[in-house]
Amino acid sequence: MWKLAQAYSTALEEKLKSIVFSMQDFLFFSLRAFRAIGASKRYWRDVLDQAYICGTESLPILLVSALSIGSLIVIEVGHQLAEFGAKTMTGRSVALSVVREISPLVAGLMLAARVGARNSSELGAMQISEQIDALRAFGTDPIAKLVVPRLVASFLMFIPLIALCDIVGLISGAYLAEWDLHLDRGIYWNSVVDILRPMDWFVGFSKPPVFAIGISLISCYTGFSTTGGTAGVGKSTIKGIVYSSAFVLIMNFYLSKVILDFMRS
C-alpha cells in the first residue's frame, strides 16, 4: 500500500514538473515571438497569406454562428419579455448580449477551433518532418518565419471578423423579432441604438486582440512542441484547440469583469 501511494506521489510530482516546465517553455516561446515581431515586414507575403486563411476562410462558420446567436436570443429572451408585455425591450437584450459577450465569445471559440487547429496541425507536421530544423540549418529563424505572420494576421483580422459577427447577429435578431414576435423593425433598432454605449463597444472590441494573441501563440507552441510522429500531430491539434478554447473562455470572463468594474468605478 505504501509503495502504491509512493508511486502515485512520484507520478503526480512528475506531472506537476512537466506542467511547470511547459509553462516556462511557452513563456520563452512567446517572448521570442514578440521580439521577432519586426520580421513581419520581411515576411509580409506570409502575413497576407495567413490573413486570408484566418480571415476569409473563417467567414462561413462565423456567419452561421452569428446568425444563430441573434436568432436564439430573440427566441429565448423575446418570448420571456412578451409574457410581461415588454417585447419592445427585445432589441436592448439582443444588443447588449451580442456586442458585449456572446458574439466575441462564440466567435473566439470558433476561431480557436478553426485557426488554432490549423496552426497546430500544420506546424506539428513540419516539426516531425524536420522542416523546422531545415529552416534553422539554412539560417532562418522559424519563429519569425512561421509564428510571427500567424500572430500578426490574427491580430489584424480578429477585430473585423467579430465586428461582422456583431452586425450579422443584430440583423438576424431584427428579422426574427419581426417574423416571430411581430415586432416592428423600427422599434427594434431604436432600442438597440438607445441602449448601446461606448463602454459596451469597448468591452466587446477589447477581446479580439487578446484572443488573437492567445490563440496564435498557444496553437503555434503546441505545433512546435510536437513529438511522436503522425499520432503526435493529432495530439498537438487536440491540445491546441482545447488550450485555446480554455484561454478564450477564461479571458472572456476576466476582461468583462475587469473592464466593467473599472468603467463603473
Protein backbone atom coordinates (compact mmCIF):
# COMPACT_ATOMS: atom_id res chain seq x y z
CA MET A 1 0.00 0.00 0.00
CA TRP A 2 2.82 2.34 0.91
CA LYS A 3 4.63 1.57 -2.34
CA LEU A 4 1.45 2.28 -4.32
CA ALA A 5 0.98 5.63 -2.57
CA GLN A 6 4.63 6.47 -3.18
CA ALA A 7 4.26 5.59 -6.87
CA TYR A 8 1.20 7.86 -7.20
CA SER A 9 3.06 10.64 -5.39
CA THR A 10 6.02 10.31 -7.75
CA ALA A 11 3.75 10.33 -10.81
CA LEU A 12 1.95 13.43 -9.54
CA GLU A 13 5.25 15.16 -8.87
CA GLU A 14 6.47 14.39 -12.39
CA LYS A 15 3.21 15.65 -13.87
CA LEU A 16 3.45 18.92 -11.94
CA LYS A 17 7.07 19.34 -13.06
CA SER A 18 6.02 18.74 -16.65
CA ILE A 19 3.31 21.40 -16.39
CA VAL A 20 5.70 23.94 -14.87
CA PHE A 21 8.37 23.27 -17.50
CA SER A 22 5.78 23.53 -20.28
CA MET A 23 4.58 26.88 -18.94
CA GLN A 24 8.18 28.06 -18.77
CA ASP A 25 8.84 26.95 -22.34
CA PHE A 26 5.66 28.65 -23.51
CA LEU A 27 6.71 31.90 -21.82
CA PHE A 28 10.10 31.85 -23.53
CA PHE A 29 8.45 30.93 -26.84
CA SER A 30 6.05 33.90 -26.52
CA LEU A 31 8.88 36.31 -25.66
CA ARG A 32 10.83 35.16 -28.71
CA ALA A 33 7.74 35.71 -30.88
CA PHE A 34 7.24 39.25 -29.58
CA ARG A 35 10.93 40.07 -30.03
CA ALA A 36 10.74 38.90 -33.64
CA ILE A 37 7.58 40.90 -34.43
CA GLY A 38 9.58 43.28 -36.62
CA ALA A 39 10.18 40.42 -39.06
CA SER A 40 6.58 40.82 -40.25
CA LYS A 41 7.84 43.49 -42.66
CA ARG A 42 10.21 41.00 -44.25
CA TYR A 43 7.58 38.25 -44.43
CA TRP A 44 4.67 40.47 -45.43
CA ARG A 45 3.56 38.00 -48.11
CA ASP A 46 3.25 35.32 -45.44
CA VAL A 47 1.23 37.75 -43.33
CA LEU A 48 -1.17 38.32 -46.24
CA ASP A 49 -1.50 34.58 -46.84
CA GLN A 50 -2.26 33.93 -43.20
CA ALA A 51 -4.70 36.86 -43.10
CA TYR A 52 -6.61 35.30 -45.98
CA ILE A 53 -6.60 31.89 -44.27
CA CYS A 54 -7.71 33.04 -40.82
CA GLY A 55 -9.98 35.77 -42.18
CA THR A 56 -11.73 34.91 -45.43
CA GLU A 57 -11.73 31.15 -44.93
CA SER A 58 -13.22 31.53 -41.44
CA LEU A 59 -16.20 33.56 -42.66
CA PRO A 60 -18.66 30.69 -43.32
CA ILE A 61 -18.53 29.21 -39.82
CA LEU A 62 -18.55 32.66 -38.22
CA LEU A 63 -21.57 33.82 -40.22
CA VAL A 64 -23.51 30.68 -39.32
CA SER A 65 -22.61 31.22 -35.66
CA ALA A 66 -23.63 34.88 -35.78
CA LEU A 67 -26.99 34.05 -37.37
CA SER A 68 -27.65 31.52 -34.62
CA ILE A 69 -26.63 33.94 -31.88
CA GLY A 70 -29.12 36.69 -32.73
CA SER A 71 -31.92 34.27 -33.54
CA LEU A 72 -31.57 32.23 -30.35
CA ILE A 73 -31.51 35.29 -28.11
CA VAL A 74 -34.73 36.53 -29.68
CA ILE A 75 -36.36 33.12 -29.25
CA GLU A 76 -35.29 32.70 -25.63
CA VAL A 77 -35.43 36.27 -24.32
CA GLY A 78 -38.05 37.80 -26.61
CA HIS A 79 -40.80 35.36 -25.63
CA GLN A 80 -40.00 35.81 -21.95
CA LEU A 81 -40.31 39.58 -22.33
CA ALA A 82 -43.51 39.20 -24.36
CA GLU A 83 -45.14 37.39 -21.43
CA PHE A 84 -44.69 40.57 -19.36
CA GLY A 85 -45.76 42.87 -22.18
CA ALA A 86 -42.21 44.11 -22.70
CA LYS A 87 -41.31 42.66 -26.09
CA THR A 88 -40.23 46.13 -27.23
CA MET A 89 -37.19 45.58 -24.98
CA THR A 90 -36.03 42.67 -27.13
CA GLY A 91 -33.64 44.84 -29.12
CA ARG A 92 -31.94 46.03 -25.94
CA SER A 93 -31.39 42.48 -24.72
CA VAL A 94 -30.05 41.31 -28.06
CA ALA A 95 -27.74 44.30 -28.44
CA LEU A 96 -26.11 44.02 -25.02
CA SER A 97 -25.77 40.23 -25.19
CA VAL A 98 -24.34 40.17 -28.70
CA VAL A 99 -21.96 43.11 -28.54
CA ARG A 100 -20.57 42.61 -25.05
CA GLU A 101 -20.39 38.87 -24.54
CA ILE A 102 -21.88 36.26 -26.81
CA SER A 103 -20.56 37.37 -30.19
CA PRO A 104 -16.91 37.74 -29.04
CA LEU A 105 -17.12 34.50 -27.05
CA VAL A 106 -18.69 32.32 -29.75
CA ALA A 107 -16.52 33.83 -32.48
CA GLY A 108 -13.43 33.34 -30.31
CA LEU A 109 -14.29 29.67 -29.79
CA MET A 110 -14.91 29.15 -33.49
CA LEU A 111 -11.60 30.81 -34.35
CA ALA A 112 -9.82 28.76 -31.69
CA ALA A 113 -11.10 25.64 -33.43
CA ARG A 114 -10.62 26.87 -36.99
CA VAL A 115 -7.35 28.81 -36.74
CA GLY A 116 -5.87 27.02 -33.74
CA ALA A 117 -6.34 23.57 -35.24
CA ARG A 118 -4.75 24.61 -38.50
CA ASN A 119 -1.73 26.19 -36.83
CA SER A 120 -1.14 23.21 -34.55
CA SER A 121 -1.55 20.57 -37.26
CA GLU A 122 0.48 22.41 -39.91
CA LEU A 123 3.39 23.30 -37.65
CA GLY A 124 3.24 19.89 -35.99
CA ALA A 125 3.59 18.19 -39.37
CA MET A 126 6.51 20.48 -40.19
CA GLN A 127 8.14 19.65 -36.86
CA ILE A 128 8.01 15.86 -37.22
CA SER A 129 9.13 16.06 -40.89
CA GLU A 130 12.12 18.19 -39.75
CA GLN A 131 11.18 21.14 -41.95
CA ILE A 132 11.56 23.47 -38.97
CA ASP A 133 15.06 22.09 -38.33
CA ALA A 134 15.83 22.66 -42.00
CA LEU A 135 14.90 26.34 -41.64
CA ARG A 136 17.32 26.65 -38.72
CA ALA A 137 20.03 24.92 -40.75
CA PHE A 138 19.65 27.49 -43.53
CA GLY A 139 19.91 30.35 -41.05
CA THR A 140 16.22 31.27 -40.96
CA ASP A 141 14.54 31.92 -37.63
CA PRO A 142 11.46 29.62 -37.63
CA ILE A 143 9.72 31.83 -35.07
CA ALA A 144 10.00 34.86 -37.37
CA LYS A 145 9.09 32.86 -40.48
CA LEU A 146 6.25 30.70 -39.17
CA VAL A 147 4.87 32.19 -35.96
CA VAL A 148 5.06 35.97 -36.43
CA PRO A 149 2.99 36.04 -39.68
CA ARG A 150 0.28 33.98 -37.99
CA LEU A 151 0.34 36.22 -34.93
CA VAL A 152 0.16 39.47 -36.89
CA ALA A 153 -2.50 38.17 -39.28
CA SER A 154 -4.73 37.02 -36.42
CA PHE A 155 -4.27 40.33 -34.61
CA LEU A 156 -5.34 42.24 -37.73
CA MET A 157 -8.26 40.01 -38.74
CA PHE A 158 -9.99 39.10 -35.48
CA ILE A 159 -11.40 42.59 -34.86
CA PRO A 160 -13.21 42.94 -38.25
CA LEU A 161 -14.37 39.32 -38.03
CA ILE A 162 -16.01 39.82 -34.64
CA ALA A 163 -17.41 43.19 -35.78
CA LEU A 164 -19.04 41.36 -38.68
CA CYS A 165 -20.45 38.80 -36.23
CA ASP A 166 -21.95 41.66 -34.18
CA ILE A 167 -23.65 43.14 -37.25
CA VAL A 168 -24.98 39.80 -38.52
CA GLY A 169 -26.21 38.85 -35.04
CA LEU A 170 -28.13 42.11 -34.65
CA ILE A 171 -29.62 41.86 -38.15
CA SER A 172 -30.71 38.24 -37.70
CA GLY A 173 -32.29 39.23 -34.38
CA ALA A 174 -34.20 42.02 -36.09
CA TYR A 175 -35.64 39.75 -38.77
CA LEU A 176 -36.60 37.02 -36.33
CA ALA A 177 -38.17 39.54 -33.93
CA GLU A 178 -40.30 40.85 -36.79
CA TRP A 179 -41.26 37.37 -38.00
CA ASP A 180 -41.71 35.56 -34.68
CA LEU A 181 -42.68 38.31 -32.23
CA HIS A 182 -44.36 40.60 -34.78
CA LEU A 183 -42.15 43.42 -33.52
CA ASP A 184 -41.68 46.38 -35.84
CA ARG A 185 -38.11 46.66 -37.06
CA GLY A 186 -38.02 50.39 -36.31
CA ILE A 187 -38.84 49.74 -32.66
CA TYR A 188 -36.19 47.03 -32.53
CA TRP A 189 -33.43 49.23 -33.97
CA ASN A 190 -34.41 52.22 -31.84
CA SER A 191 -33.99 50.13 -28.69
CA VAL A 192 -30.64 48.85 -29.98
CA VAL A 193 -29.34 52.37 -30.62
CA ASP A 194 -30.65 53.68 -27.30
CA ILE A 195 -29.03 51.00 -25.14
CA LEU A 196 -25.57 50.72 -26.68
CA ARG A 197 -22.92 52.98 -25.18
CA PRO A 198 -19.21 53.42 -25.96
CA MET A 199 -18.44 51.28 -22.91
CA ASP A 200 -20.33 48.34 -24.44
CA TRP A 201 -18.40 48.58 -27.71
CA PHE A 202 -15.15 48.94 -25.79
CA VAL A 203 -15.84 45.77 -23.79
CA GLY A 204 -16.69 43.82 -26.93
CA PHE A 205 -13.77 45.03 -29.03
CA SER A 206 -11.15 44.74 -26.29
CA LYS A 207 -11.42 40.95 -26.54
CA PRO A 208 -10.45 40.15 -30.17
CA PRO A 209 -6.81 41.35 -29.87
CA VAL A 210 -6.33 39.31 -26.69
CA PHE A 211 -7.97 36.26 -28.26
CA ALA A 212 -5.80 36.64 -31.36
CA ILE A 213 -2.56 36.73 -29.39
CA GLY A 214 -3.53 33.84 -27.12
CA ILE A 215 -4.89 31.55 -29.83
CA SER A 216 -1.93 32.16 -32.15
CA LEU A 217 0.78 31.64 -29.55
CA ILE A 218 -0.85 28.61 -27.91
CA SER A 219 -1.57 26.82 -31.18
CA CYS A 220 1.86 27.58 -32.63
CA TYR A 221 3.58 26.41 -29.44
CA THR A 222 1.70 23.11 -29.45
CA GLY A 223 2.74 22.67 -33.08
CA PHE A 224 6.40 23.40 -32.37
CA SER A 225 6.44 21.01 -29.40
CA THR A 226 5.00 18.07 -31.37
CA THR A 227 6.67 14.69 -30.88
CA GLY A 228 5.75 11.12 -31.68
CA GLY A 229 5.12 11.05 -35.42
CA THR A 230 1.70 11.39 -37.01
CA ALA A 231 -0.06 10.38 -33.80
CA GLY A 232 1.72 13.29 -32.13
CA VAL A 233 0.29 15.68 -34.72
CA GLY A 234 -3.22 14.60 -33.76
CA LYS A 235 -2.45 15.06 -30.07
CA SER A 236 -0.95 18.50 -30.71
CA THR A 237 -4.00 19.55 -32.72
CA ILE A 238 -6.33 18.49 -29.91
CA LYS A 239 -4.16 20.29 -27.36
CA GLY A 240 -4.14 23.44 -29.49
CA ILE A 241 -7.94 23.50 -29.72
CA VAL A 242 -8.55 22.67 -26.06
CA TYR A 243 -6.00 25.10 -24.61
CA SER A 244 -7.01 27.90 -27.00
CA SER A 245 -10.71 27.42 -26.20
CA ALA A 246 -9.98 27.40 -22.46
CA PHE A 247 -7.98 30.61 -22.88
CA VAL A 248 -10.90 32.26 -24.71
CA LEU A 249 -13.41 31.24 -22.02
CA ILE A 250 -11.22 32.43 -19.16
CA MET A 251 -10.16 35.71 -20.74
CA ASN A 252 -13.72 36.50 -21.86
CA PHE A 253 -14.85 36.45 -18.23
CA TYR A 254 -11.91 38.35 -16.78
CA LEU A 255 -11.86 41.04 -19.45
CA SER A 256 -15.58 41.71 -18.98
CA LYS A 257 -15.22 41.73 -15.21
CA VAL A 258 -12.15 43.97 -15.06
CA ILE A 259 -13.24 46.46 -17.73
CA LEU A 260 -16.80 46.84 -16.48
CA ASP A 261 -15.66 47.24 -12.86
CA PHE A 262 -13.07 49.82 -13.93
CA MET A 263 -15.53 51.80 -16.07
CA ARG A 264 -18.14 51.86 -13.32
CA SER A 265 -15.75 52.89 -10.56
